[in-house]
PDB file of N, CA and C in Angstrom:
ATOM      1  N   MET A   1      45.258  26.298  53.641  1.00  0.00           N
ATOM      2  CA  MET A   1      45.636  25.447  53.840  1.00  0.00           C
ATOM      3  C   MET A   1      46.670  25.090  52.514  1.00  0.00           C
ATOM      4  N   ALA A   2      46.997  23.742  52.405  1.00  0.00           N
ATOM      5  CA  ALA A   2      47.961  23.125  52.159  1.00  0.00           C
ATOM      6  C   ALA A   2      48.254  21.232  52.380  1.00  0.00           C
ATOM      7  N   THR A   3      48.292  20.930  51.088  1.00  0.00           N
ATOM      8  CA  THR A   3      48.308  19.390  51.106  1.00  0.00           C
ATOM      9  C   THR A   3      49.539  19.424  50.281  1.00  0.00           C
ATOM     10  N   ASN A   4      49.820  17.703  50.654  1.00  0.00           N
ATOM     11  CA  ASN A   4      51.061  17.835  49.680  1.00  0.00           C
ATOM     12  C   ASN A   4      50.467  16.004  48.671  1.00  0.00           C
ATOM     13  N   SER A   5      48.846  16.825  48.821  1.00  0.00           N
ATOM     14  CA  SER A   5      48.279  15.668  46.978  1.00  0.00           C
ATOM     15  C   SER A   5      47.566  16.420  46.261  1.00  0.00           C
ATOM     16  N   PRO A   6      47.306  16.230  44.825  1.00  0.00           N
ATOM     17  CA  PRO A   6      47.135  17.108  44.179  1.00  0.00           C
ATOM     18  C   PRO A   6      46.004  16.691  44.130  1.00  0.00           C
ATOM     19  N   PHE A   7      45.302  17.871  43.597  1.00  0.00           N
ATOM     20  CA  PHE A   7      43.703  17.882  43.451  1.00  0.00           C
ATOM     21  C   PHE A   7      42.724  16.266  43.009  1.00  0.00           C
ATOM     22  N   ALA A   8      44.137  15.585  41.899  1.00  0.00           N
ATOM     23  CA  ALA A   8      43.182  14.406  41.216  1.00  0.00           C
ATOM     24  C   ALA A   8      43.397  13.163  41.985  1.00  0.00           C
ATOM     25  N   GLU A   9      43.847  13.333  43.874  1.00  0.00           N
ATOM     26  CA  GLU A   9      43.669  12.121  44.654  1.00  0.00           C
ATOM     27  C   GLU A   9      43.257  12.343  45.639  1.00  0.00           C
ATOM     28  N   TRP A  10      42.148  13.979  45.796  1.00  0.00           N
ATOM     29  CA  TRP A  10      41.155  14.208  46.826  1.00  0.00           C
ATOM     30  C   TRP A  10      40.171  12.879  47.050  1.00  0.00           C
ATOM     31  N   ASP A  11      40.445  12.469  45.863  1.00  0.00           N
ATOM     32  CA  ASP A  11      38.844  11.791  46.005  1.00  0.00           C
ATOM     33  C   ASP A  11      38.947  10.241  46.861  1.00  0.00           C
ATOM     34  N   LYS A  12      40.393  10.388  47.024  1.00  0.00           N
ATOM     35  CA  LYS A  12      40.626   8.701  48.305  1.00  0.00           C
ATOM     36  C   LYS A  12      40.229   9.488  49.633  1.00  0.00           C
ATOM     37  N   ILE A  13      40.643  10.743  50.062  1.00  0.00           N
ATOM     38  CA  ILE A  13      40.766  11.360  51.226  1.00  0.00           C
ATOM     39  C   ILE A  13      39.050  11.481  50.897  1.00  0.00           C
ATOM     40  N   PHE A  14      38.330  12.254  50.310  1.00  0.00           N
ATOM     41  CA  PHE A  14      36.927  11.814  51.184  1.00  0.00           C
ATOM     42  C   PHE A  14      36.387  10.795  49.989  1.00  0.00           C
ATOM     43  N   ALA A  15      35.457  10.608  51.190  1.00  0.00           N
ATOM     44  CA  ALA A  15      34.885   9.277  50.610  1.00  0.00           C
ATOM     45  C   ALA A  15      33.754   9.424  49.163  1.00  0.00           C
ATOM     46  N   ASP A  16      32.818  10.465  49.319  1.00  0.00           N
ATOM     47  CA  ASP A  16      31.573  10.584  48.520  1.00  0.00           C
ATOM     48  C   ASP A  16      32.592  11.816  47.350  1.00  0.00           C
ATOM     49  N   THR A  17      32.513  10.780  45.981  1.00  0.00           N
ATOM     50  CA  THR A  17      32.968  12.069  45.041  1.00  0.00           C
ATOM     51  C   THR A  17      32.447  13.727  44.912  1.00  0.00           C
ATOM     52  N   ARG A  18      30.579  13.480  45.065  1.00  0.00           N
ATOM     53  CA  ARG A  18      30.117  14.863  45.164  1.00  0.00           C
ATOM     54  C   ARG A  18      31.333  15.475  46.276  1.00  0.00           C
ATOM     55  N   LEU A  19      31.309  15.238  47.513  1.00  0.00           N
ATOM     56  CA  LEU A  19      31.680  15.872  48.768  1.00  0.00           C
ATOM     57  C   LEU A  19      33.342  16.400  48.173  1.00  0.00           C
ATOM     58  N   CYS A  20      33.626  15.853  47.780  1.00  0.00           N
ATOM     59  CA  CYS A  20      35.254  16.096  47.783  1.00  0.00           C
ATOM     60  C   CYS A  20      35.225  17.483  46.295  1.00  0.00           C
ATOM     61  N   ALA A  21      34.192  17.152  45.598  1.00  0.00           N
ATOM     62  CA  ALA A  21      34.295  18.473  44.422  1.00  0.00           C
ATOM     63  C   ALA A  21      33.846  19.713  44.898  1.00  0.00           C
ATOM     64  N   ALA A  22      32.530  19.476  45.873  1.00  0.00           N
ATOM     65  CA  ALA A  22      31.889  20.530  46.373  1.00  0.00           C
ATOM     66  C   ALA A  22      32.966  21.410  47.239  1.00  0.00           C
ATOM     67  N   THR A  23      33.846  20.127  47.966  1.00  0.00           N
ATOM     68  CA  THR A  23      34.617  21.083  48.609  1.00  0.00           C
ATOM     69  C   THR A  23      35.979  22.003  48.061  1.00  0.00           C
ATOM     70  N   THR A  24      36.670  20.782  46.755  1.00  0.00           N
ATOM     71  CA  THR A  24      37.713  21.364  46.120  1.00  0.00           C
ATOM     72  C   THR A  24      37.190  22.972  45.693  1.00  0.00           C
ATOM     73  N   ASP A  25      35.681  22.519  45.133  1.00  0.00           N
ATOM     74  CA  ASP A  25      35.122  23.819  44.709  1.00  0.00           C
ATOM     75  C   ASP A  25      35.223  24.917  45.933  1.00  0.00           C
ATOM     76  N   ARG A  26      34.868  24.983  46.758  1.00  0.00           N
ATOM     77  CA  ARG A  26      35.235  26.076  47.759  1.00  0.00           C
ATOM     78  C   ARG A  26      36.061  26.702  48.167  1.00  0.00           C
ATOM     79  N   ILE A  27      36.629  25.185  48.203  1.00  0.00           N
ATOM     80  CA  ILE A  27      38.408  26.367  48.503  1.00  0.00           C
ATOM     81  C   ILE A  27      38.884  26.646  47.958  1.00  0.00           C
ATOM     82  N   THR A  28      38.734  26.765  46.754  1.00  0.00           N
ATOM     83  CA  THR A  28      39.546  26.973  45.446  1.00  0.00           C
ATOM     84  C   THR A  28      38.912  28.432  45.027  1.00  0.00           C
ATOM     85  N   PHE A  29      37.379  28.588  44.954  1.00  0.00           N
ATOM     86  CA  PHE A  29      36.971  29.843  45.184  1.00  0.00           C
ATOM     87  C   PHE A  29      37.637  31.341  45.197  1.00  0.00           C
ATOM     88  N   ARG A  30      38.279  31.905  44.150  1.00  0.00           N
ATOM     89  CA  ARG A  30      38.705  33.507  44.386  1.00  0.00           C
ATOM     90  C   ARG A  30      40.269  32.743  45.185  1.00  0.00           C
ATOM     91  N   CYS A  31      40.748  31.741  44.637  1.00  0.00           N
ATOM     92  CA  CYS A  31      41.856  32.037  45.321  1.00  0.00           C
ATOM     93  C   CYS A  31      43.338  31.936  44.648  1.00  0.00           C
ATOM     94  N   THR A  32      43.866  32.189  45.141  1.00  0.00           N
ATOM     95  CA  THR A  32      45.378  31.936  44.387  1.00  0.00           C
ATOM     96  C   THR A  32      46.163  30.620  44.839  1.00  0.00           C
ATOM     97  N   LEU A  33      46.273  29.280  43.829  1.00  0.00           N
ATOM     98  CA  LEU A  33      47.064  28.422  44.509  1.00  0.00           C
ATOM     99  C   LEU A  33      48.089  28.297  44.179  1.00  0.00           C
ATOM    100  N   ILE A  34      49.285  28.199  44.612  1.00  0.00           N
ATOM    101  CA  ILE A  34      50.646  27.809  44.903  1.00  0.00           C
ATOM    102  C   ILE A  34      51.078  26.501  44.824  1.00  0.00           C
ATOM    103  N   GLN A  35      51.648  26.661  43.889  1.00  0.00           N
ATOM    104  CA  GLN A  35      52.471  24.751  43.637  1.00  0.00           C
ATOM    105  C   GLN A  35      53.401  25.053  43.770  1.00  0.00           C
ATOM    106  N   THR A  36      54.328  24.508  44.784  1.00  0.00           N
ATOM    107  CA  THR A  36      55.972  24.850  44.859  1.00  0.00           C
ATOM    108  C   THR A  36      56.952  23.309  44.066  1.00  0.00           C
ATOM    109  N   GLY A  37      56.232  21.919  43.984  1.00  0.00           N
ATOM    110  CA  GLY A  37      56.905  21.456  43.561  1.00  0.00           C
ATOM    111  C   GLY A  37      57.635  20.728  44.274  1.00  0.00           C
ATOM    112  N   THR A  38      57.930  21.037  45.757  1.00  0.00           N
ATOM    113  CA  THR A  38      59.001  19.935  46.551  1.00  0.00           C
ATOM    114  C   THR A  38      57.666  19.762  47.555  1.00  0.00           C
ATOM    115  N   GLU A  39      58.281  19.182  48.374  1.00  0.00           N
ATOM    116  CA  GLU A  39      57.835  18.189  48.890  1.00  0.00           C
ATOM    117  C   GLU A  39      57.885  18.724  50.527  1.00  0.00           C
ATOM    118  N   SER A  40      57.672  19.136  51.088  1.00  0.00           N
ATOM    119  CA  SER A  40      57.110  20.127  52.573  1.00  0.00           C
ATOM    120  C   SER A  40      58.227  19.419  53.558  1.00  0.00           C
ATOM    121  N   TYR A  41      59.021  20.166  54.075  1.00  0.00           N
ATOM    122  CA  TYR A  41      60.095  19.659  55.657  1.00  0.00           C
ATOM    123  C   TYR A  41      58.679  19.173  56.574  1.00  0.00           C
ATOM    124  N   ARG A  42      57.643  18.876  56.898  1.00  0.00           N
ATOM    125  CA  ARG A  42      57.056  18.491  58.060  1.00  0.00           C
ATOM    126  C   ARG A  42      56.957  16.926  57.588  1.00  0.00           C
ATOM    127  N   PHE A  43      56.566  17.065  56.177  1.00  0.00           N
ATOM    128  CA  PHE A  43      56.082  15.627  55.409  1.00  0.00           C
ATOM    129  C   PHE A  43      57.274  14.789  55.457  1.00  0.00           C
ATOM    130  N   GLN A  44      58.743  14.981  55.234  1.00  0.00           N
ATOM    131  CA  GLN A  44      60.151  14.223  54.925  1.00  0.00           C
ATOM    132  C   GLN A  44      60.389  13.677  56.252  1.00  0.00           C
ATOM    133  N   ALA A  45      60.353  15.319  57.150  1.00  0.00           N
ATOM    134  CA  ALA A  45      60.028  14.459  59.140  1.00  0.00           C
ATOM    135  C   ALA A  45      59.202  13.750  59.643  1.00  0.00           C
ATOM    136  N   THR A  46      57.958  13.506  59.102  1.00  0.00           N
ATOM    137  CA  THR A  46      57.311  12.668  59.086  1.00  0.00           C
ATOM    138  C   THR A  46      57.038  11.041  58.687  1.00  0.00           C
ATOM    139  N   GLU A  47      57.641  11.397  57.565  1.00  0.00           N
ATOM    140  CA  GLU A  47      57.790  10.235  56.979  1.00  0.00           C
ATOM    141  C   GLU A  47      59.438   9.377  57.961  1.00  0.00           C
ATOM    142  N   ALA A  48      60.434  10.204  58.160  1.00  0.00           N
ATOM    143  CA  ALA A  48      61.433   9.766  58.469  1.00  0.00           C
ATOM    144  C   ALA A  48      60.981   9.183  59.837  1.00  0.00           C
ATOM    145  N   ASP A  49      60.413   9.726  60.908  1.00  0.00           N
ATOM    146  CA  ASP A  49      60.134   9.650  62.889  1.00  0.00           C
ATOM    147  C   ASP A  49      59.135   7.832  61.803  1.00  0.00           C
ATOM    148  N   ARG A  50      57.885   8.023  60.934  1.00  0.00           N
ATOM    149  CA  ARG A  50      57.696   7.143  60.848  1.00  0.00           C
ATOM    150  C   ARG A  50      58.809   5.693  60.748  1.00  0.00           C
ATOM    151  N   ARG A  51      59.527   5.859  59.698  1.00  0.00           N
ATOM    152  CA  ARG A  51      60.679   4.620  59.404  1.00  0.00           C
ATOM    153  C   ARG A  51      61.478   4.139  60.618  1.00  0.00           C
ATOM    154  N   LYS A  52      61.771   5.272  61.743  1.00  0.00           N
ATOM    155  CA  LYS A  52      62.484   4.813  62.790  1.00  0.00           C
ATOM    156  C   LYS A  52      61.230   4.406  63.457  1.00  0.00           C
ATOM    157  N   LYS A  53      60.483   4.303  63.838  1.00  0.00           N
ATOM    158  CA  LYS A  53      59.375   3.654  64.391  1.00  0.00           C
ATOM    159  C   LYS A  53      58.962   2.601  64.265  1.00  0.00           C
ATOM    160  N   THR A  54      59.480   1.974  62.698  1.00  0.00           N
ATOM    161  CA  THR A  54      59.300   0.625  62.304  1.00  0.00           C
ATOM    162  C   THR A  54      60.086   0.195  62.454  1.00  0.00           C
ATOM    163  N   LYS A  55      61.408   0.627  62.366  1.00  0.00           N
ATOM    164  CA  LYS A  55      62.503  -0.532  62.789  1.00  0.00           C
ATOM    165  C   LYS A  55      62.736  -0.579  63.824  1.00  0.00           C
ATOM    166  N   LYS A  56      62.205   0.274  65.279  1.00  0.00           N
ATOM    167  CA  LYS A  56      62.199  -0.599  66.467  1.00  0.00           C
ATOM    168  C   LYS A  56      62.233  -1.946  66.783  1.00  0.00           C
TER     169      LYS A  56
END
């Protein structure tokens, strides 16, 4: 699983705070978190495509 949002912003994705906490707990249990500190290529490409479409 990958996301560009830090855990602190996940409550904006999930409407229910308890659901957000439970989901985060289950995803991160016995896992290794890798934070690259960079934005993904796919995210940058999607944003560029959106900008092109709004200019038309």
